[in-house]
Amino acid sequence: MIRILTINGMHCEACKTLIQMTLEENNLAQKIKSIELISQKNQAKLALQDPTDQDISSIKKIINSLGQYRVE
């Protein structure tokens, strides 16, 4: 099952790369199906492949801890 999360505060490819690298460092990269940057809205859509509730909770906590991003 695919689960989509919206990340607010995303401005550019560097933001996307930071999110990818941070999730890789926390052993969650295998859950990422795609990250679609929507720069005109300062958002990204993060598609996750078969995430558990714990994966989603961890991903939200990790991304939100970066300070400039908020996951919905």
PDB file of N, CA and C in Angstrom:
ATOM      1  N   MET A   1       0.834  -1.171   0.000  1.00  0.00           N
ATOM      2  CA  MET A   1       0.000   0.000   0.000  1.00  0.00           C
ATOM      3  C   MET A   1       0.889   1.249   0.000  1.00  0.00           C
ATOM      4  N   ILE A   2       0.507   2.225  -0.798  1.00  0.00           N
ATOM      5  CA  ILE A   2       1.222   3.495  -0.867  1.00  0.00           C
ATOM      6  C   ILE A   2       0.549   4.485   0.085  1.00  0.00           C
ATOM      7  N   ARG A   3       1.345   5.196   0.845  1.00  0.00           N
ATOM      8  CA  ARG A   3       0.839   6.241   1.744  1.00  0.00           C
ATOM      9  C   ARG A   3       1.523   7.540   1.362  1.00  0.00           C
ATOM     10  N   ILE A   4       0.761   8.622   1.203  1.00  0.00           N
ATOM     11  CA  ILE A   4       1.296   9.923   0.801  1.00  0.00           C
ATOM     12  C   ILE A   4       1.282  10.882   1.994  1.00  0.00           C
ATOM     13  N   LEU A   5       2.429  11.494   2.242  1.00  0.00           N
ATOM     14  CA  LEU A   5       2.540  12.528   3.260  1.00  0.00           C
ATOM     15  C   LEU A   5       2.898  13.839   2.571  1.00  0.00           C
ATOM     16  N   THR A   6       2.355  14.944   3.052  1.00  0.00           N
ATOM     17  CA  THR A   6       2.688  16.264   2.529  1.00  0.00           C
ATOM     18  C   THR A   6       3.698  16.907   3.461  1.00  0.00           C
ATOM     19  N   ILE A   7       4.784  17.411   2.873  1.00  0.00           N
ATOM     20  CA  ILE A   7       5.819  18.098   3.641  1.00  0.00           C
ATOM     21  C   ILE A   7       5.766  19.572   3.254  1.00  0.00           C
ATOM     22  N   ASN A   8       5.492  20.429   4.210  1.00  0.00           N
ATOM     23  CA  ASN A   8       5.488  21.874   3.984  1.00  0.00           C
ATOM     24  C   ASN A   8       6.862  22.447   4.272  1.00  0.00           C
ATOM     25  N   GLY A   9       7.208  23.535   3.564  1.00  0.00           N
ATOM     26  CA  GLY A   9       8.491  24.200   3.757  1.00  0.00           C
ATOM     27  C   GLY A   9       9.549  23.776   2.756  1.00  0.00           C
ATOM     28  N   MET A  10       9.147  23.020   1.743  1.00  0.00           N
ATOM     29  CA  MET A  10      10.082  22.535   0.723  1.00  0.00           C
ATOM     30  C   MET A  10      10.192  23.580  -0.395  1.00  0.00           C
ATOM     31  N   HIS A  11      11.409  24.076  -0.651  1.00  0.00           N
ATOM     32  CA  HIS A  11      11.596  25.141  -1.626  1.00  0.00           C
ATOM     33  C   HIS A  11      12.308  24.704  -2.899  1.00  0.00           C
ATOM     34  N   CYS A  12      13.182  23.703  -2.795  1.00  0.00           N
ATOM     35  CA  CYS A  12      14.056  23.399  -3.927  1.00  0.00           C
ATOM     36  C   CYS A  12      14.562  21.953  -3.870  1.00  0.00           C
ATOM     37  N   GLU A  13      15.381  21.601  -4.836  1.00  0.00           N
ATOM     38  CA  GLU A  13      15.967  20.256  -4.894  1.00  0.00           C
ATOM     39  C   GLU A  13      16.868  19.976  -3.695  1.00  0.00           C
ATOM     40  N   ALA A  14      17.500  21.007  -3.159  1.00  0.00           N
ATOM     41  CA  ALA A  14      18.350  20.804  -1.976  1.00  0.00           C
ATOM     42  C   ALA A  14      17.513  20.348  -0.779  1.00  0.00           C
ATOM     43  N   CYS A  15      16.297  20.892  -0.655  1.00  0.00           N
ATOM     44  CA  CYS A  15      15.387  20.449   0.419  1.00  0.00           C
ATOM     45  C   CYS A  15      15.062  18.966   0.236  1.00  0.00           C
ATOM     46  N   LYS A  16      14.764  18.602  -0.982  1.00  0.00           N
ATOM     47  CA  LYS A  16      14.432  17.206  -1.306  1.00  0.00           C
ATOM     48  C   LYS A  16      15.601  16.287  -0.964  1.00  0.00           C
ATOM     49  N   THR A  17      16.795  16.704  -1.343  1.00  0.00           N
ATOM     50  CA  THR A  17      17.995  15.913  -1.077  1.00  0.00           C
ATOM     51  C   THR A  17      18.232  15.774   0.424  1.00  0.00           C
ATOM     52  N   LEU A  18      18.023  16.852   1.178  1.00  0.00           N
ATOM     53  CA  LEU A  18      18.199  16.804   2.628  1.00  0.00           C
ATOM     54  C   LEU A  18      17.246  15.790   3.260  1.00  0.00           C
ATOM     55  N   ILE A  19      15.992  15.797   2.820  1.00  0.00           N
ATOM     56  CA  ILE A  19      15.012  14.845   3.352  1.00  0.00           C
ATOM     57  C   ILE A  19      15.442  13.414   3.023  1.00  0.00           C
ATOM     58  N   GLN A  20      15.832  13.173   1.766  1.00  0.00           N
ATOM     59  CA  GLN A  20      16.265  11.832   1.355  1.00  0.00           C
ATOM     60  C   GLN A  20      17.461  11.367   2.178  1.00  0.00           C
ATOM     61  N   MET A  21      18.463  12.232   2.319  1.00  0.00           N
ATOM     62  CA  MET A  21      19.670  11.852   3.054  1.00  0.00           C
ATOM     63  C   MET A  21      19.366  11.585   4.530  1.00  0.00           C
ATOM     64  N   THR A  22      18.517  12.406   5.112  1.00  0.00           N
ATOM     65  CA  THR A  22      18.175  12.238   6.522  1.00  0.00           C
ATOM     66  C   THR A  22      17.439  10.918   6.754  1.00  0.00           C
ATOM     67  N   LEU A  23      16.511  10.580   5.860  1.00  0.00           N
ATOM     68  CA  LEU A  23      15.802   9.301   5.999  1.00  0.00           C
ATOM     69  C   LEU A  23      16.740   8.122   5.759  1.00  0.00           C
ATOM     70  N   GLU A  24      17.689   8.277   4.830  1.00  0.00           N
ATOM     71  CA  GLU A  24      18.688   7.218   4.611  1.00  0.00           C
ATOM     72  C   GLU A  24      19.524   6.998   5.872  1.00  0.00           C
ATOM     73  N   GLU A  25      19.941   8.077   6.518  1.00  0.00           N
ATOM     74  CA  GLU A  25      20.748   7.987   7.734  1.00  0.00           C
ATOM     75  C   GLU A  25      20.004   7.286   8.867  1.00  0.00           C
ATOM     76  N   ASN A  26      18.673   7.317   8.797  1.00  0.00           N
ATOM     77  CA  ASN A  26      17.842   6.698   9.833  1.00  0.00           C
ATOM     78  C   ASN A  26      17.243   5.366   9.371  1.00  0.00           C
ATOM     79  N   ASN A  27      17.834   4.775   8.335  1.00  0.00           N
ATOM     80  CA  ASN A  27      17.438   3.462   7.819  1.00  0.00           C
ATOM     81  C   ASN A  27      15.976   3.389   7.377  1.00  0.00           C
ATOM     82  N   LEU A  28      15.470   4.488   6.802  1.00  0.00           N
ATOM     83  CA  LEU A  28      14.091   4.520   6.315  1.00  0.00           C
ATOM     84  C   LEU A  28      14.016   4.744   4.807  1.00  0.00           C
ATOM     85  N   ALA A  29      15.155   4.774   4.137  1.00  0.00           N
ATOM     86  CA  ALA A  29      15.170   5.034   2.693  1.00  0.00           C
ATOM     87  C   ALA A  29      14.405   3.981   1.904  1.00  0.00           C
ATOM     88  N   GLN A  30      14.397   2.744   2.384  1.00  0.00           N
ATOM     89  CA  GLN A  30      13.712   1.670   1.663  1.00  0.00           C
ATOM     90  C   GLN A  30      12.207   1.886   1.618  1.00  0.00           C
ATOM     91  N   LYS A  31      11.687   2.752   2.471  1.00  0.00           N
ATOM     92  CA  LYS A  31      10.245   3.041   2.492  1.00  0.00           C
ATOM     93  C   LYS A  31       9.844   4.115   1.472  1.00  0.00           C
ATOM     94  N   ILE A  32      10.837   4.878   0.968  1.00  0.00           N
ATOM     95  CA  ILE A  32      10.541   5.973   0.036  1.00  0.00           C
ATOM     96  C   ILE A  32      10.278   5.420  -1.360  1.00  0.00           C
ATOM     97  N   LYS A  33       9.092   5.685  -1.869  1.00  0.00           N
ATOM     98  CA  LYS A  33       8.788   5.358  -3.260  1.00  0.00           C
ATOM     99  C   LYS A  33       9.154   6.535  -4.143  1.00  0.00           C
ATOM    100  N   SER A  34       8.775   7.760  -3.707  1.00  0.00           N
ATOM    101  CA  SER A  34       9.115   8.964  -4.457  1.00  0.00           C
ATOM    102  C   SER A  34       8.927  10.196  -3.584  1.00  0.00           C
ATOM    103  N   ILE A  35       9.595  11.271  -4.002  1.00  0.00           N
ATOM    104  CA  ILE A  35       9.378  12.591  -3.412  1.00  0.00           C
ATOM    105  C   ILE A  35       9.147  13.544  -4.579  1.00  0.00           C
ATOM    106  N   GLU A  36       7.947  14.110  -4.628  1.00  0.00           N
ATOM    107  CA  GLU A  36       7.584  15.032  -5.708  1.00  0.00           C
ATOM    108  C   GLU A  36       7.581  16.451  -5.151  1.00  0.00           C
ATOM    109  N   LEU A  37       8.498  17.278  -5.635  1.00  0.00           N
ATOM    110  CA  LEU A  37       8.604  18.662  -5.196  1.00  0.00           C
ATOM    111  C   LEU A  37       7.565  19.515  -5.915  1.00  0.00           C
ATOM    112  N   ILE A  38       6.818  20.304  -5.147  1.00  0.00           N
ATOM    113  CA  ILE A  38       5.836  21.246  -5.698  1.00  0.00           C
ATOM    114  C   ILE A  38       6.283  22.624  -5.213  1.00  0.00           C
ATOM    115  N   SER A  39       7.303  23.180  -5.888  1.00  0.00           N
ATOM    116  CA  SER A  39       7.973  24.376  -5.386  1.00  0.00           C
ATOM    117  C   SER A  39       7.072  25.604  -5.340  1.00  0.00           C
ATOM    118  N   GLN A  40       6.107  25.725  -6.253  1.00  0.00           N
ATOM    119  CA  GLN A  40       5.225  26.893  -6.223  1.00  0.00           C
ATOM    120  C   GLN A  40       4.349  26.914  -4.970  1.00  0.00           C
ATOM    121  N   LYS A  41       4.179  25.773  -4.315  1.00  0.00           N
ATOM    122  CA  LYS A  41       3.414  25.693  -3.061  1.00  0.00           C
ATOM    123  C   LYS A  41       4.327  25.513  -1.854  1.00  0.00           C
ATOM    124  N   ASN A  42       5.644  25.465  -2.089  1.00  0.00           N
ATOM    125  CA  ASN A  42       6.610  25.180  -1.021  1.00  0.00           C
ATOM    126  C   ASN A  42       6.275  23.878  -0.306  1.00  0.00           C
ATOM    127  N   GLN A  43       5.941  22.862  -1.099  1.00  0.00           N
ATOM    128  CA  GLN A  43       5.565  21.555  -0.557  1.00  0.00           C
ATOM    129  C   GLN A  43       6.234  20.442  -1.354  1.00  0.00           C
ATOM    130  N   ALA A  44       6.159  19.264  -0.764  1.00  0.00           N
ATOM    131  CA  ALA A  44       6.535  18.040  -1.472  1.00  0.00           C
ATOM    132  C   ALA A  44       5.552  16.954  -1.062  1.00  0.00           C
ATOM    133  N   LYS A  45       5.330  16.030  -1.969  1.00  0.00           N
ATOM    134  CA  LYS A  45       4.527  14.850  -1.683  1.00  0.00           C
ATOM    135  C   LYS A  45       5.494  13.687  -1.528  1.00  0.00           C
ATOM    136  N   LEU A  46       5.493  13.090  -0.353  1.00  0.00           N
ATOM    137  CA  LEU A  46       6.363  11.956  -0.047  1.00  0.00           C
ATOM    138  C   LEU A  46       5.518  10.690  -0.122  1.00  0.00           C
ATOM    139  N   ALA A  47       5.808   9.854  -1.101  1.00  0.00           N
ATOM    140  CA  ALA A  47       5.096   8.587  -1.260  1.00  0.00           C
ATOM    141  C   ALA A  47       5.907   7.496  -0.574  1.00  0.00           C
ATOM    142  N   LEU A  48       5.249   6.761   0.320  1.00  0.00           N
ATOM    143  CA  LEU A  48       5.889   5.689   1.079  1.00  0.00           C
ATOM    144  C   LEU A  48       5.314   4.344   0.653  1.00  0.00           C
ATOM    145  N   GLN A  49       6.179   3.354   0.511  1.00  0.00           N
ATOM    146  CA  GLN A  49       5.776   2.009   0.107  1.00  0.00           C
ATOM    147  C   GLN A  49       5.623   1.128   1.334  1.00  0.00           C
ATOM    148  N   ASP A  50       4.410   0.645   1.581  1.00  0.00           N
ATOM    149  CA  ASP A  50       4.106  -0.289   2.678  1.00  0.00           C
ATOM    150  C   ASP A  50       4.648   0.144   4.036  1.00  0.00           C
ATOM    151  N   PRO A  51       4.382   1.402   4.448  1.00  0.00           N
ATOM    152  CA  PRO A  51       4.888   1.826   5.752  1.00  0.00           C
ATOM    153  C   PRO A  51       4.029   1.292   6.894  1.00  0.00           C
ATOM    154  N   THR A  52       4.662   1.001   7.999  1.00  0.00           N
ATOM    155  CA  THR A  52       3.922   0.662   9.220  1.00  0.00           C
ATOM    156  C   THR A  52       3.570   1.977   9.923  1.00  0.00           C
ATOM    157  N   ASP A  53       2.694   1.903  10.913  1.00  0.00           N
ATOM    158  CA  ASP A  53       2.376   3.098  11.699  1.00  0.00           C
ATOM    159  C   ASP A  53       3.631   3.641  12.361  1.00  0.00           C
ATOM    160  N   GLN A  54       4.500   2.748  12.806  1.00  0.00           N
ATOM    161  CA  GLN A  54       5.762   3.162  13.427  1.00  0.00           C
ATOM    162  C   GLN A  54       6.662   3.874  12.428  1.00  0.00           C
ATOM    163  N   ASP A  55       6.725   3.374  11.179  1.00  0.00           N
ATOM    164  CA  ASP A  55       7.513   4.043  10.144  1.00  0.00           C
ATOM    165  C   ASP A  55       7.017   5.470   9.938  1.00  0.00           C
ATOM    166  N   ILE A  56       5.708   5.634   9.816  1.00  0.00           N
ATOM    167  CA  ILE A  56       5.124   6.954   9.576  1.00  0.00           C
ATOM    168  C   ILE A  56       5.417   7.886  10.745  1.00  0.00           C
ATOM    169  N   SER A  57       5.250   7.402  11.941  1.00  0.00           N
ATOM    170  CA  SER A  57       5.538   8.203  13.129  1.00  0.00           C
ATOM    171  C   SER A  57       7.000   8.628  13.161  1.00  0.00           C
ATOM    172  N   SER A  58       7.894   7.699  12.870  1.00  0.00           N
ATOM    173  CA  SER A  58       9.330   7.999  12.859  1.00  0.00           C
ATOM    174  C   SER A  58       9.677   9.014  11.779  1.00  0.00           C
ATOM    175  N   ILE A  59       9.130   8.836  10.590  1.00  0.00           N
ATOM    176  CA  ILE A  59       9.408   9.743   9.474  1.00  0.00           C
ATOM    177  C   ILE A  59       8.919  11.149   9.803  1.00  0.00           C
ATOM    178  N   LYS A  60       7.716  11.269  10.340  1.00  0.00           N
ATOM    179  CA  LYS A  60       7.194  12.589  10.721  1.00  0.00           C
ATOM    180  C   LYS A  60       8.093  13.249  11.763  1.00  0.00           C
ATOM    181  N   LYS A  61       8.478  12.497  12.773  1.00  0.00           N
ATOM    182  CA  LYS A  61       9.317  13.035  13.848  1.00  0.00           C
ATOM    183  C   LYS A  61      10.671  13.492  13.307  1.00  0.00           C
ATOM    184  N   ILE A  62      11.273  12.687  12.457  1.00  0.00           N
ATOM    185  CA  ILE A  62      12.590  13.006  11.892  1.00  0.00           C
ATOM    186  C   ILE A  62      12.514  14.261  11.033  1.00  0.00           C
ATOM    187  N   ILE A  63      11.552  14.324  10.128  1.00  0.00           N
ATOM    188  CA  ILE A  63      11.444  15.478   9.235  1.00  0.00           C
ATOM    189  C   ILE A  63      11.098  16.740  10.021  1.00  0.00           C
ATOM    190  N   ASN A  64      10.152  16.639  10.949  1.00  0.00           N
ATOM    191  CA  ASN A  64       9.775  17.808  11.751  1.00  0.00           C
ATOM    192  C   ASN A  64      10.933  18.310  12.607  1.00  0.00           C
ATOM    193  N   SER A  65      11.837  17.413  12.996  1.00  0.00           N
ATOM    194  CA  SER A  65      12.963  17.812  13.835  1.00  0.00           C
ATOM    195  C   SER A  65      13.994  18.645  13.067  1.00  0.00           C
ATOM    196  N   LEU A  66      13.903  18.644  11.750  1.00  0.00           N
ATOM    197  CA  LEU A  66      14.823  19.448  10.949  1.00  0.00           C
ATOM    198  C   LEU A  66      14.531  20.946  11.082  1.00  0.00           C
ATOM    199  N   GLY A  67      13.377  21.287  11.642  1.00  0.00           N
ATOM    200  CA  GLY A  67      13.078  22.680  11.968  1.00  0.00           C
ATOM    201  C   GLY A  67      12.295  23.454  10.934  1.00  0.00           C
ATOM    202  N   GLN A  68      12.695  23.387   9.695  1.00  0.00           N
ATOM    203  CA  GLN A  68      12.043  24.212   8.677  1.00  0.00           C
ATOM    204  C   GLN A  68      10.928  23.487   7.916  1.00  0.00           C
ATOM    205  N   TYR A  69      10.711  22.234   8.219  1.00  0.00           N
ATOM    206  CA  TYR A  69       9.703  21.435   7.510  1.00  0.00           C
ATOM    207  C   TYR A  69       8.628  20.951   8.473  1.00  0.00           C
ATOM    208  N   ARG A  70       7.416  20.782   7.964  1.00  0.00           N
ATOM    209  CA  ARG A  70       6.306  20.226   8.734  1.00  0.00           C
ATOM    210  C   ARG A  70       5.581  19.192   7.888  1.00  0.00           C
ATOM    211  N   VAL A  71       5.384  18.032   8.460  1.00  0.00           N
ATOM    212  CA  VAL A  71       4.704  16.950   7.764  1.00  0.00           C
ATOM    213  C   VAL A  71       3.236  16.916   8.177  1.00  0.00           C
ATOM    214  N   GLU A  72       2.361  16.801   7.183  1.00  0.00           N
ATOM    215  CA  GLU A  72       0.918  16.671   7.437  1.00  0.00           C
ATOM    216  C   GLU A  72       0.517  15.234   7.283  1.00  0.00           C
TER     217      GLU A  72
END
